[in-house]
Protein backbone atom coordinates (compact mmCIF):
# COMPACT_ATOMS: atom_id res chain seq x y z
CA MET A 1 4.40 6.91 41.80
CA GLU A 2 6.74 9.84 42.49
CA SER A 3 5.29 12.98 44.01
CA SER A 4 5.47 16.12 41.91
CA LEU A 5 7.14 19.06 43.56
CA ASN A 6 4.67 21.30 41.84
CA SER A 7 1.48 19.68 43.07
CA ASP A 8 -0.68 21.18 45.82
CA SER A 9 1.29 21.85 49.00
CA HIS A 10 4.54 20.56 47.51
CA GLY A 11 4.61 23.57 45.22
CA ILE A 12 4.03 26.22 47.90
CA VAL A 13 7.59 27.47 48.16
CA ARG A 14 8.11 27.58 44.41
CA ALA A 15 4.82 29.37 43.87
CA LEU A 16 5.65 31.96 46.52
CA LEU A 17 9.10 32.52 45.02
CA ALA A 18 7.56 32.98 41.58
CA LEU A 19 5.00 35.46 42.92
CA GLN A 20 7.65 37.48 44.67
CA GLU A 21 9.84 37.48 41.58
CA GLU A 22 6.87 38.85 39.62
CA VAL A 23 5.61 41.49 42.07
CA GLY A 24 8.55 42.11 44.40
CA TRP A 25 6.55 41.11 47.48
CA LEU A 26 3.57 38.96 48.52
CA PRO A 27 0.34 41.01 48.36
CA PRO A 28 -2.50 39.58 50.49
CA ASP A 29 -4.98 39.41 47.58
CA ARG A 30 -2.47 37.52 45.45
CA LEU A 31 -1.84 35.12 48.33
CA GLU A 32 -5.55 34.37 48.54
CA SER A 33 -5.68 33.66 44.80
CA LEU A 34 -2.58 31.47 45.10
CA ALA A 35 -4.11 29.46 47.94
CA SER A 36 -7.10 28.74 45.73
CA GLU A 37 -4.89 27.73 42.79
CA LEU A 38 -2.80 25.42 44.94
CA ARG A 39 -5.85 24.04 46.77
CA VAL A 40 -4.31 24.69 50.17
CA PRO A 41 -5.68 26.65 53.12
CA MET A 42 -4.58 30.26 53.46
CA HIS A 43 -2.91 29.54 56.78
CA SER A 44 -0.43 27.26 54.98
CA LEU A 45 0.78 30.17 52.86
CA GLU A 46 0.81 32.46 55.89
CA SER A 47 2.86 29.96 57.86
CA VAL A 48 5.44 29.48 55.12
CA SER A 49 5.71 33.07 53.93
CA THR A 50 6.31 34.43 57.44
CA PHE A 51 8.94 31.81 58.27
CA TYR A 52 11.47 32.22 55.46
CA THR A 53 13.68 35.29 55.39
CA HIS A 54 13.53 35.80 51.63
CA PHE A 55 9.80 36.46 51.51
CA ARG A 56 8.49 40.01 51.83
CA ARG A 57 5.03 40.73 53.18
CA GLU A 58 5.27 44.47 52.44
CA PRO A 59 6.51 46.34 49.36
CA ALA A 60 10.05 47.70 49.48
CA ALA A 61 10.66 51.41 49.91
CA GLY A 62 13.13 51.31 47.05
CA ALA A 63 15.78 49.13 45.46
CA GLN A 64 16.59 46.41 47.97
CA VAL A 65 20.25 46.50 48.94
CA GLU A 66 21.17 43.62 51.26
CA VAL A 67 24.26 44.08 53.41
CA CYS A 68 25.92 41.08 55.02
CA ARG A 69 26.82 41.76 58.65
CA ASP A 70 28.21 38.36 59.65
CA LEU A 71 31.69 37.25 60.64
CA SER A 72 34.06 37.93 57.71
CA CYS A 73 32.01 40.87 56.40
CA ARG A 74 31.84 42.44 59.85
CA MET A 75 35.61 42.06 60.15
CA ALA A 76 36.03 43.77 56.77
CA GLY A 77 34.06 46.88 57.75
CA ALA A 78 30.44 46.03 56.97
CA GLU A 79 29.17 48.03 59.92
CA SER A 80 30.55 51.38 58.81
CA ALA A 81 29.71 50.62 55.17
CA CYS A 82 26.12 49.89 56.13
CA ALA A 83 25.90 53.19 58.02
CA SER A 84 27.16 55.05 54.93
CA LEU A 85 24.60 53.31 52.73
CA ARG A 86 21.82 54.23 55.15
CA ASP A 87 22.91 57.88 54.89
CA ILE A 88 22.71 57.65 51.10
CA ALA A 89 19.29 55.98 51.36
CA ALA A 90 18.05 58.84 53.54
CA GLU A 91 19.18 61.35 50.92
CA ARG A 92 17.43 59.39 48.15
CA ALA A 93 14.20 58.73 50.03
CA GLY A 94 11.12 59.38 47.90
CA SER A 95 13.11 59.68 44.66
CA PRO A 96 13.12 57.25 41.70
CA GLY A 97 16.50 56.01 42.90
CA ALA A 98 15.33 55.27 46.44
CA LEU A 99 17.10 52.54 48.40
CA GLU A 100 16.04 50.14 51.12
CA ILE A 101 19.04 48.96 53.12
CA THR A 102 18.56 45.62 54.86
CA GLU A 103 21.03 43.78 57.04
CA VAL A 104 21.06 40.06 56.25
CA SER A 105 22.76 36.89 57.33
CA CYS A 106 25.74 35.51 55.45
CA LEU A 107 25.57 35.90 51.65
CA GLY A 108 28.16 33.19 51.00
CA ARG A 109 30.62 35.79 49.69
CA CYS A 110 33.11 35.85 52.55
CA ASP A 111 35.94 36.14 50.02
CA GLN A 112 34.39 39.39 48.79
CA ALA A 113 33.75 40.89 52.23
CA PRO A 114 32.03 43.15 53.00
CA ALA A 115 29.44 41.91 50.53
CA VAL A 116 26.25 43.55 49.28
CA ALA A 117 23.53 41.91 47.19
CA LEU A 118 21.28 43.71 44.72
CA GLY A 119 19.13 40.83 43.49
CA ASP A 120 21.60 38.30 42.06
CA ARG A 121 24.30 40.96 41.67
CA VAL A 122 26.90 40.83 44.46
CA LEU A 123 29.01 43.94 45.00
CA SER A 124 31.36 45.38 47.60
CA ALA A 125 29.80 47.39 50.41
CA LEU A 126 32.92 49.57 50.32
CA ASN A 127 32.09 50.81 46.83
CA PRO A 128 28.82 52.77 47.11
CA GLU A 129 29.33 54.35 43.67
CA GLU A 130 29.19 50.93 42.02
CA ILE A 131 26.12 50.01 44.06
CA LEU A 132 24.30 53.20 43.08
CA ALA A 133 25.24 52.73 39.43
CA ALA A 134 23.73 49.22 39.51
CA VAL A 135 20.59 50.55 41.23
CA ASP A 136 20.13 53.36 38.71
CA ALA A 137 20.69 51.01 35.77
CA ASN A 138 18.45 48.35 37.36
CA ARG A 139 21.26 45.81 37.08
CA ARG A 140 20.20 42.95 39.35
CA ASP A 141 21.64 40.14 37.24
CA ALA A 142 24.50 37.98 38.44
CA ILE A 143 28.05 38.99 37.60
CA LEU A 144 29.50 36.02 35.73
CA ARG A 145 33.16 35.04 35.90
CA PRO A 146 35.31 32.61 33.92
CA LYS A 147 35.26 29.04 35.17
CA ARG A 148 38.35 27.89 37.08
CA SER A 149 39.94 24.53 36.41
CA TRP A 150 40.53 22.06 39.22
CA PRO A 151 42.69 19.33 37.61
CA ALA A 152 43.35 17.53 40.88
CA ALA A 153 39.61 17.04 41.47
CA ASP A 154 38.45 16.60 37.88
CA PRO A 155 38.85 13.18 36.23
CA TYR A 156 38.23 14.87 32.88
CA SER A 157 40.82 17.62 33.32
CA LYS A 158 42.82 16.44 30.31
CA VAL A 159 39.83 17.04 28.07
CA ALA A 160 40.04 20.63 26.85
CA ALA A 161 36.30 21.10 26.83
CA ALA A 162 36.18 20.21 30.50
CA LEU A 163 37.91 23.44 31.31
CA SER A 164 35.31 25.62 29.65
CA HIS A 165 31.64 24.88 29.13
CA GLY A 166 31.46 21.25 30.00
CA TRP A 167 31.48 18.01 28.12
CA ASP A 168 29.18 15.17 27.28
CA ASP A 169 31.53 12.32 28.06
CA TYR A 170 30.50 11.21 31.57
CA GLN A 171 32.77 8.20 31.19
CA VAL A 172 32.74 7.36 34.88
CA LEU A 173 28.95 7.08 34.82
CA ARG A 174 29.14 5.03 31.62
CA ASN A 175 31.50 2.57 33.33
CA VAL A 176 29.29 2.42 36.42
CA LEU A 177 26.23 1.55 34.32
CA ALA A 178 28.18 -1.29 32.75
CA GLY A 179 28.97 -2.78 36.17
CA THR A 180 27.24 -3.58 39.42
CA ARG A 181 25.48 -1.15 41.74
CA GLU A 182 27.73 -2.30 44.56
CA ALA A 183 31.07 -1.48 42.91
CA PRO A 184 30.96 2.33 43.36
CA VAL A 185 29.97 1.94 47.01
CA ALA A 186 32.88 -0.42 47.55
CA ALA A 187 35.26 2.14 46.03
CA LEU A 188 33.94 4.90 48.30
CA ASN A 189 34.27 2.60 51.30
CA ALA A 190 37.86 1.69 50.43
CA ALA A 191 38.67 5.39 50.06
CA GLY A 192 37.04 6.25 53.37
CA LEU A 193 35.26 9.26 51.89
CA ARG A 194 33.38 11.24 54.52
CA GLY A 195 30.62 13.77 53.98
CA MET A 196 32.09 17.19 53.19
CA GLY A 197 29.11 19.22 54.39
CA GLY A 198 30.13 19.31 58.04
CA ALA A 199 29.05 16.11 59.79
CA GLY A 200 31.71 13.90 58.19
CA PHE A 201 29.49 10.78 58.08
CA PRO A 202 31.03 7.95 56.01
CA THR A 203 29.65 8.30 52.49
CA ALA A 204 29.69 4.61 51.60
CA ARG A 205 27.74 3.73 54.73
CA LYS A 206 25.06 6.30 53.92
CA TRP A 207 24.73 5.06 50.32
CA SER A 208 24.54 1.43 51.52
CA LEU A 209 21.84 2.22 54.07
CA VAL A 210 19.61 3.89 51.47
CA ALA A 211 20.29 1.17 48.91
CA ALA A 212 19.18 -1.47 51.40
CA GLU A 213 15.78 0.16 51.92
CA PRO A 214 13.08 -1.83 50.06
CA ALA A 215 10.65 1.10 49.68
CA SER A 216 10.23 2.89 46.38
CA PRO A 217 10.52 5.52 44.95
CA LYS A 218 13.79 6.85 46.32
CA TYR A 219 15.34 10.29 45.96
CA VAL A 220 18.80 11.83 45.71
CA ILE A 221 19.27 15.35 47.03
CA CYS A 222 22.33 17.54 46.66
CA ASN A 223 22.44 19.96 49.57
CA ALA A 224 23.82 23.18 48.06
CA ASP A 225 22.47 25.46 50.77
CA GLU A 226 25.74 26.39 52.45
CA SER A 227 24.82 29.38 54.59
CA GLU A 228 27.27 29.41 57.47
CA PRO A 229 29.61 32.39 57.82
CA GLY A 230 33.02 31.50 56.45
CA THR A 231 31.74 28.78 54.09
CA PHE A 232 31.60 29.33 50.34
CA LYS A 233 33.54 26.49 48.65
CA ASP A 234 30.42 24.73 47.31
CA ARG A 235 29.56 27.98 45.53
CA GLU A 236 32.79 27.61 43.55
CA LEU A 237 32.16 23.96 42.73
CA LEU A 238 28.62 24.61 41.49
CA HIS A 239 30.02 27.25 39.18
CA ASP A 240 33.21 25.54 38.02
CA LEU A 241 32.38 21.80 38.14
CA PRO A 242 28.60 21.47 37.73
CA HIS A 243 28.94 18.37 35.53
CA LEU A 244 30.72 16.52 38.34
CA VAL A 245 27.85 17.40 40.67
CA ILE A 246 25.37 16.00 38.14
CA GLU A 247 27.46 12.89 37.51
CA GLY A 248 27.95 12.25 41.22
CA MET A 249 24.22 12.49 41.80
CA ALA A 250 23.55 10.14 38.89
CA ILE A 251 26.03 7.56 40.22
CA GLY A 252 24.49 7.81 43.68
CA ALA A 253 20.99 7.42 42.21
CA TYR A 254 22.02 4.32 40.27
CA CYS A 255 23.57 2.75 43.36
CA ILE A 256 20.54 3.28 45.60
CA GLY A 257 17.85 2.71 42.95
CA ALA A 258 16.52 6.27 42.59
CA SER A 259 15.28 8.00 39.48
CA LYS A 260 14.76 11.54 40.77
CA GLY A 261 17.38 14.04 41.92
CA ILE A 262 17.03 17.51 43.40
CA VAL A 263 19.67 20.19 43.85
CA PHE A 264 18.62 22.39 46.77
CA ILE A 265 20.48 25.66 46.19
CA ARG A 266 20.42 28.90 48.18
CA HIS A 267 18.73 31.79 46.39
CA GLU A 268 21.80 34.02 46.80
CA TYR A 269 23.72 31.85 44.32
CA GLY A 270 22.37 33.32 41.09
CA ALA A 271 25.49 32.88 38.93
CA GLU A 272 26.03 29.40 40.28
CA ARG A 273 22.42 28.42 39.61
CA GLU A 274 22.82 29.65 36.04
CA SER A 275 25.95 27.53 35.56
CA LEU A 276 24.25 24.48 37.05
CA GLU A 277 21.07 24.83 34.97
CA GLU A 278 23.15 25.22 31.82
CA ALA A 279 25.02 22.01 32.69
CA ILE A 280 21.74 20.16 33.40
CA ALA A 281 20.40 21.17 29.99
CA HIS A 282 23.65 20.04 28.39
CA ALA A 283 23.53 16.72 30.24
CA ARG A 284 19.93 16.14 29.25
CA ALA A 285 20.76 16.75 25.58
CA ALA A 286 23.68 14.33 25.85
CA GLY A 287 21.52 11.52 27.22
CA VAL A 288 22.87 11.72 30.75
CA LEU A 289 19.43 12.62 32.10
CA GLY A 290 16.04 11.29 31.11
CA GLU A 291 14.74 7.88 30.12
CA GLY A 292 17.28 5.10 29.51
CA VAL A 293 20.52 6.89 30.42
CA PHE A 294 23.15 5.95 27.82
CA GLY A 295 20.91 3.19 26.49
CA SER A 296 20.60 1.45 29.87
CA ASP A 297 17.49 0.65 31.90
CA PHE A 298 18.43 3.46 34.33
CA ASN A 299 16.16 6.51 34.32
CA PHE A 300 17.27 9.67 36.06
CA GLU A 301 16.19 13.30 36.11
CA ILE A 302 17.39 16.32 38.08
CA GLU A 303 15.62 19.52 38.98
CA VAL A 304 16.76 22.61 40.86
CA PHE A 305 14.91 23.78 43.97
CA VAL A 306 15.73 27.32 45.11
CA SER A 307 15.85 27.89 48.86
CA PRO A 308 13.66 30.68 50.26
CA GLY A 309 16.36 31.52 52.76
CA GLY A 310 17.55 30.43 56.17
CA TYR A 311 20.67 28.79 57.59
CA ILE A 312 18.49 26.14 59.20
CA LEU A 313 17.80 24.65 55.76
CA GLY A 314 21.31 23.29 55.70
CA GLU A 315 19.99 20.76 58.21
CA GLU A 316 18.84 17.87 56.06
CA THR A 317 15.40 17.31 57.59
CA ALA A 318 14.59 21.04 57.62
CA LEU A 319 15.51 21.01 53.94
CA LEU A 320 13.01 18.19 53.38
CA GLU A 321 10.28 20.11 55.19
CA CYS A 322 10.92 23.08 52.91
CA ILE A 323 10.68 21.05 49.71
CA GLU A 324 7.43 19.56 50.97
CA GLY A 325 5.98 23.05 51.38
CA ARG A 326 6.25 23.59 55.12
CA ARG A 327 8.26 25.66 57.56
CA GLY A 328 11.89 24.57 57.63
CA GLU A 329 11.87 23.07 61.11
CA PRO A 330 14.08 20.01 61.75
CA ARG A 331 12.44 16.67 62.31
CA ASN A 332 13.05 14.41 65.25
CA LYS A 333 15.47 11.61 64.39
CA PRO A 334 15.21 8.66 64.05
CA PRO A 335 13.91 7.92 61.52
CA PHE A 336 16.70 9.31 59.38
CA PRO A 337 16.22 10.58 55.82
CA GLY A 338 17.90 7.47 54.46
CA ASN A 339 14.98 5.49 55.87
CA VAL A 340 12.12 8.01 55.77
CA GLY A 341 13.00 11.14 53.84
CA LEU A 342 11.37 13.21 51.11
CA PHE A 343 7.62 12.47 50.92
CA GLY A 344 8.23 9.66 53.42
CA GLN A 345 10.55 7.80 51.04
CA PRO A 346 14.21 6.72 51.42
CA THR A 347 16.39 9.68 50.47
CA LEU A 348 20.12 10.05 49.92
CA ILE A 349 21.38 13.52 50.90
CA ASN A 350 24.98 14.60 50.30
CA ASN A 351 26.51 17.99 49.84
CA VAL A 352 28.06 19.39 46.66
CA GLU A 353 31.68 18.55 47.41
CA THR A 354 30.87 14.97 48.42
CA PHE A 355 29.29 14.26 45.03
CA VAL A 356 32.26 15.86 43.24
CA HIS A 357 34.78 13.66 45.05
CA ALA A 358 32.63 10.56 44.57
CA VAL A 359 33.04 10.83 40.79
CA SER A 360 36.82 11.01 41.03
CA ILE A 361 37.07 8.14 43.51
CA VAL A 362 34.80 5.85 41.51
CA GLY A 363 36.64 6.77 38.32
CA GLN A 364 40.23 6.64 39.56
CA GLY A 365 40.09 4.29 42.51
CA ALA A 366 40.68 4.33 46.24
CA ASP A 367 44.46 4.00 45.87
CA TRP A 368 44.53 7.23 43.85
CA TRP A 369 42.47 8.98 46.54
CA ASN A 370 44.58 7.70 49.40
CA ALA A 371 47.76 8.89 47.68
CA LEU A 372 46.48 12.47 47.50
CA GLY A 373 46.97 13.13 51.20
CA CYS A 374 50.21 13.83 53.00
CA GLU A 375 51.77 12.61 56.24
CA GLY A 376 49.73 9.41 56.12
CA PHE A 377 46.35 11.10 55.55
CA ALA A 378 44.03 10.25 52.65
CA GLY A 379 42.32 12.43 50.08
CA HIS A 380 42.02 16.16 49.60
CA LYS A 381 39.58 18.89 50.60
CA PHE A 382 38.22 22.13 49.23
CA ILE A 383 38.71 24.84 51.86
CA SER A 384 37.11 28.29 52.11
CA VAL A 385 39.63 30.73 53.53
CA SER A 386 38.59 34.16 54.83
CA GLY A 387 39.08 36.66 57.61
CA ASP A 388 42.28 38.65 58.04
CA VAL A 389 44.15 36.88 55.24
CA ALA A 390 45.81 38.60 52.32
CA SER A 391 44.02 36.60 49.61
CA PRO A 392 40.70 35.06 50.71
CA GLY A 393 39.22 32.40 48.46
CA VAL A 394 38.83 28.67 47.85
CA GLY A 395 41.70 26.22 47.53
CA LEU A 396 42.06 22.45 47.16
CA TYR A 397 44.52 20.99 49.67
CA PRO A 398 45.81 17.53 50.64
CA MET A 399 44.41 16.11 53.83
CA GLY A 400 47.09 16.23 56.49
CA LEU A 401 48.50 19.56 55.34
CA PRO A 402 49.25 21.86 58.29
CA LEU A 403 46.95 24.87 58.61
CA SER A 404 50.05 27.06 58.37
CA GLU A 405 50.54 25.92 54.78
CA ILE A 406 46.95 26.77 53.90
CA LEU A 407 47.45 30.23 55.35
CA LYS A 408 50.67 30.60 53.36
CA ALA A 409 48.86 29.61 50.15
CA HIS A 410 46.52 32.55 50.70
CA GLY A 411 49.30 35.07 51.10
CA GLY A 412 49.56 34.89 54.86
CA MET A 413 47.95 37.47 57.08
CA LYS A 414 47.18 40.96 55.82
CA ASP A 415 49.87 43.50 56.62
CA ALA A 416 52.07 40.66 57.91
CA ALA A 417 50.01 40.56 61.11
CA GLU A 418 50.36 37.78 63.66
CA VAL A 419 47.67 35.13 63.97
CA LEU A 420 45.51 35.57 67.05
CA ALA A 421 42.87 32.87 66.55
CA ILE A 422 41.58 30.36 64.00
CA ALA A 423 38.14 28.92 63.39
CA PRO A 424 39.12 25.91 61.20
CA GLY A 425 35.58 24.80 60.40
CA GLY A 426 33.67 28.06 60.05
CA ALA A 427 31.42 29.92 62.43
CA SER A 428 30.16 26.78 64.19
CA SER A 429 33.65 25.51 65.04
CA ASN A 430 35.55 26.22 68.24
CA PHE A 431 38.27 28.85 68.05
CA LEU A 432 41.87 27.78 68.47
CA GLY A 433 45.00 29.78 69.19
CA PRO A 434 48.03 30.28 66.89
CA GLU A 435 49.45 26.95 68.05
CA ALA A 436 46.76 25.35 65.87
CA LEU A 437 48.76 26.35 62.80
CA ASP A 438 50.65 23.10 63.29
CA LEU A 439 47.48 20.98 63.24
CA ALA A 440 46.77 18.80 60.23
CA LEU A 441 43.84 19.37 57.90
CA ASP A 442 41.80 16.35 58.96
CA PHE A 443 38.53 15.50 60.70
CA ASP A 444 40.13 13.58 63.57
CA ALA A 445 43.22 15.78 63.98
CA LEU A 446 41.18 18.96 64.37
CA ALA A 447 38.74 17.21 66.70
CA ALA A 448 41.66 16.12 68.87
CA GLY A 449 42.85 19.74 68.84
CA GLY A 450 39.56 20.90 70.30
CA SER A 451 37.68 22.04 67.21
CA MET A 452 36.41 20.47 63.99
CA LEU A 453 36.93 20.48 60.24
CA GLY A 454 33.23 21.05 59.61
CA SER A 455 32.54 21.91 55.99
CA GLY A 456 36.09 23.24 55.59
CA ALA A 457 35.98 26.98 56.29
CA ALA A 458 39.15 28.38 57.82
CA VAL A 459 38.70 31.86 59.27
CA PHE A 460 41.92 33.50 60.46
CA LEU A 461 41.86 36.38 62.96
CA ALA A 462 44.76 38.79 63.40
CA GLU A 463 46.25 40.18 66.59
CA GLY A 464 44.22 43.13 67.78
CA ARG A 465 40.82 41.66 67.00
CA ASN A 466 38.17 42.04 69.68
CA LEU A 467 37.42 38.38 70.28
CA LEU A 468 34.38 39.05 72.45
CA ASP A 469 32.90 41.06 69.58
CA VAL A 470 33.66 38.14 67.24
CA GLY A 471 32.02 35.64 69.58
CA LEU A 472 29.00 37.90 70.05
CA SER A 473 28.66 38.29 66.28
CA ILE A 474 28.53 34.52 65.85
CA THR A 475 26.08 34.08 68.71
CA ARG A 476 23.83 36.73 67.14
CA PHE A 477 23.97 34.80 63.89
CA PHE A 478 22.74 31.60 65.53
CA ARG A 479 20.08 33.49 67.46
CA ASN A 480 18.83 35.12 64.26
CA GLU A 481 18.87 31.82 62.37
CA SER A 482 17.21 29.64 65.00
CA CYS A 483 13.96 28.24 63.61
CA GLY A 484 12.43 28.58 67.08
CA LYS A 485 11.13 25.03 67.29
CA CYS A 486 13.26 24.06 70.29
CA VAL A 487 12.55 26.28 73.28
CA PRO A 488 16.06 25.90 74.78
CA CYS A 489 17.65 26.93 71.48
CA ARG A 490 15.28 29.83 70.90
CA MET A 491 15.40 31.21 74.42
CA GLY A 492 18.97 30.24 75.25
CA SER A 493 20.56 32.00 72.29
CA GLU A 494 18.41 35.08 72.93
CA LYS A 495 19.36 35.13 76.60
CA ALA A 496 23.06 34.76 75.80
CA VAL A 497 23.04 37.67 73.37
CA ALA A 498 20.99 39.89 75.68
CA MET A 499 23.33 39.15 78.60
CA ILE A 500 26.44 40.26 76.70
CA GLU A 501 24.79 43.26 75.08
CA LYS A 502 23.56 44.52 78.45
CA ALA A 503 26.85 44.16 80.30
CA GLY A 504 29.24 44.72 77.40
CA ARG A 505 31.53 42.19 79.05
CA ILE A 506 31.38 38.66 80.44
CA SER A 507 32.01 38.18 84.13
CA ALA A 508 32.93 34.88 85.78
CA GLU A 509 29.32 34.56 86.90
CA ASP A 510 28.09 35.24 83.36
CA GLU A 511 30.45 32.63 81.96
CA THR A 512 29.12 30.02 84.38
CA LEU A 513 25.57 30.79 83.28
CA LEU A 514 26.55 30.67 79.60
CA ARG A 515 28.12 27.26 80.07
CA SER A 516 24.96 26.01 81.76
CA LEU A 517 22.89 27.37 78.88
CA HIS A 518 25.21 25.68 76.38
CA GLU A 519 24.90 22.32 78.13
CA THR A 520 21.12 22.54 78.17
CA MET A 521 20.94 23.58 74.51
CA ALA A 522 23.39 20.89 73.43
CA GLN A 523 21.44 18.15 75.19
CA THR A 524 17.93 19.19 74.23
CA SER A 525 18.11 20.80 70.77
CA ILE A 526 16.87 18.70 67.87
CA CYS A 527 19.53 19.85 65.41
CA GLY A 528 23.12 21.02 65.31
CA LEU A 529 22.28 24.72 65.39
CA GLY A 530 21.20 24.69 69.01
CA GLN A 531 23.91 22.21 69.90
CA VAL A 532 26.75 24.49 68.74
CA ALA A 533 25.23 27.99 69.04
CA LEU A 534 27.23 28.98 72.12
CA GLY A 535 30.24 26.74 71.47
CA PRO A 536 32.37 29.26 69.51
CA LEU A 537 31.84 31.98 72.11
CA LEU A 538 32.70 29.65 74.96
CA SER A 539 35.80 28.41 73.14
CA ILE A 540 36.99 32.02 72.98
CA LEU A 541 36.47 32.42 76.72
CA SER A 542 38.34 29.16 77.40
CA ARG A 543 41.36 29.82 75.21
CA PHE A 544 41.47 33.58 75.61
CA PRO A 545 40.30 34.27 79.20
CA GLU A 546 41.07 37.96 78.87
CA ALA A 547 38.54 38.29 75.99
CA GLY A 548 35.55 38.45 78.32
CA ALA A 549 36.95 41.52 80.04
CA ASN A 550 37.16 43.51 76.81
CA PRO A 551 34.04 45.49 75.93
CA ALA A 552 32.12 44.17 72.95
CA ASP A 553 31.14 46.58 70.21
CA ASP A 554 27.61 47.58 71.19
CA SER A 555 26.95 49.55 68.03
CA ALA A 556 25.79 46.50 66.09
CA THR A 557 22.15 45.82 65.44
CA GLN A 558 20.79 44.34 68.63
CA ASP A 559 17.35 43.20 67.62
CA GLY A 560 18.16 40.78 64.85
CA LEU A 561 18.39 41.64 61.18
CA GLY A 562 17.50 44.98 59.74
């Protein structure tokens, strides 16, 4: 029998989110009542509510304005914008229009940098008048935009309805249900699809491993908790192509023998959650979800689980811990989620983009997928592009395309500046110099070049940028987002940040110590956060030796967030 996400401890996170939505924070007396309702000890609620960044244990002093201070937003002037907002907050203190300014980790709006969140409403930190107008009007709802079409990634692009509010065709799923459970996996294997969330694990192999597990029930989880600076392409897909996400999950569930799916989405994605939930309702009405999908013996249902905040939840086992009502601390592996996952059962976890591509590959074949690439590469990839580019945003590009062409597609560098450095895979990837513009968009090609594709988040830095400040900003992010479970990760990232903040520069001796810290963290950390936390900074020191001699900007918040 499948476990309910709303029963006892499994409903802790949802219950806390609901309470905070109702009251605005988590009052102690209400927590005690909630513990009784959920039949869990009070310490369980205390443990969870103090771990996740979204939960408040004290009432706000006014309207909560969250300012992103991470990589792309910092580059776009978030620091000075935050200072201006704090001045306004001081002027409004004690009035009905009072503000509480909080610095937060990445909001997933790197294309709108510097970004500010007022509830689900995302605004520009450079436009305080608009922010104040939203505060005074109590406008916290998401700002909706028209859906974009992605014909190259959408097997239903020729259907007019597919370009607006969705459709109830799901022909690929219909064809899958009429065939064998092995056929879709074979198509994914022939296409060589790799996970698009960062790790790049072969998708067909993961599906086969979970399918081979005899235990039941099984689960399918879509990891939509992209929280790394520079990464925001899944946000676009959830908004524009939610039906492909649903269909991909349904195909995966059929192949592995699961009947329950969960989309784990970050709480900052209000508009995207609305689009997804609308599509789920549409799919349910069309017979895509529920008992006997399209008249078959396949039963499948999807629910949405909203993250309570934290980059660590992008790690698949930390995500599982969160759903199960605990602190989001990664598990030791093995066993892997495919063997022992949600509630101890075999669980298939893929990210948003992987499920989207799976539909197209299963529907149109491996030959179609392989022909999409260029220069001998296969497939295509959604890429988040931000930093010092003229037109930040998300694009869909053939694998094998040089990074220079991706930059060109986004208008080149602002003010026709020269490229100084590139992080091709987001904040966790090593920085490369301008020579990397010739590298191909590809997992192996970028790895050979000294970095990685990651989730596909190209951040371009212009000549004149203080690279030590950039590296310190990223290191602060990983320090702030460490769950604290691994002592080397917790202490190493803190020590690295403190060392640079104290000296303002990095000496040869400091660099030697940082490399020793990195080696220790990489070898002993349970998850990827600790393994890569110092990597971007060290890549800057390796490729740009002069960077360590430049003073870092010491005006940034030095004690974490807020």
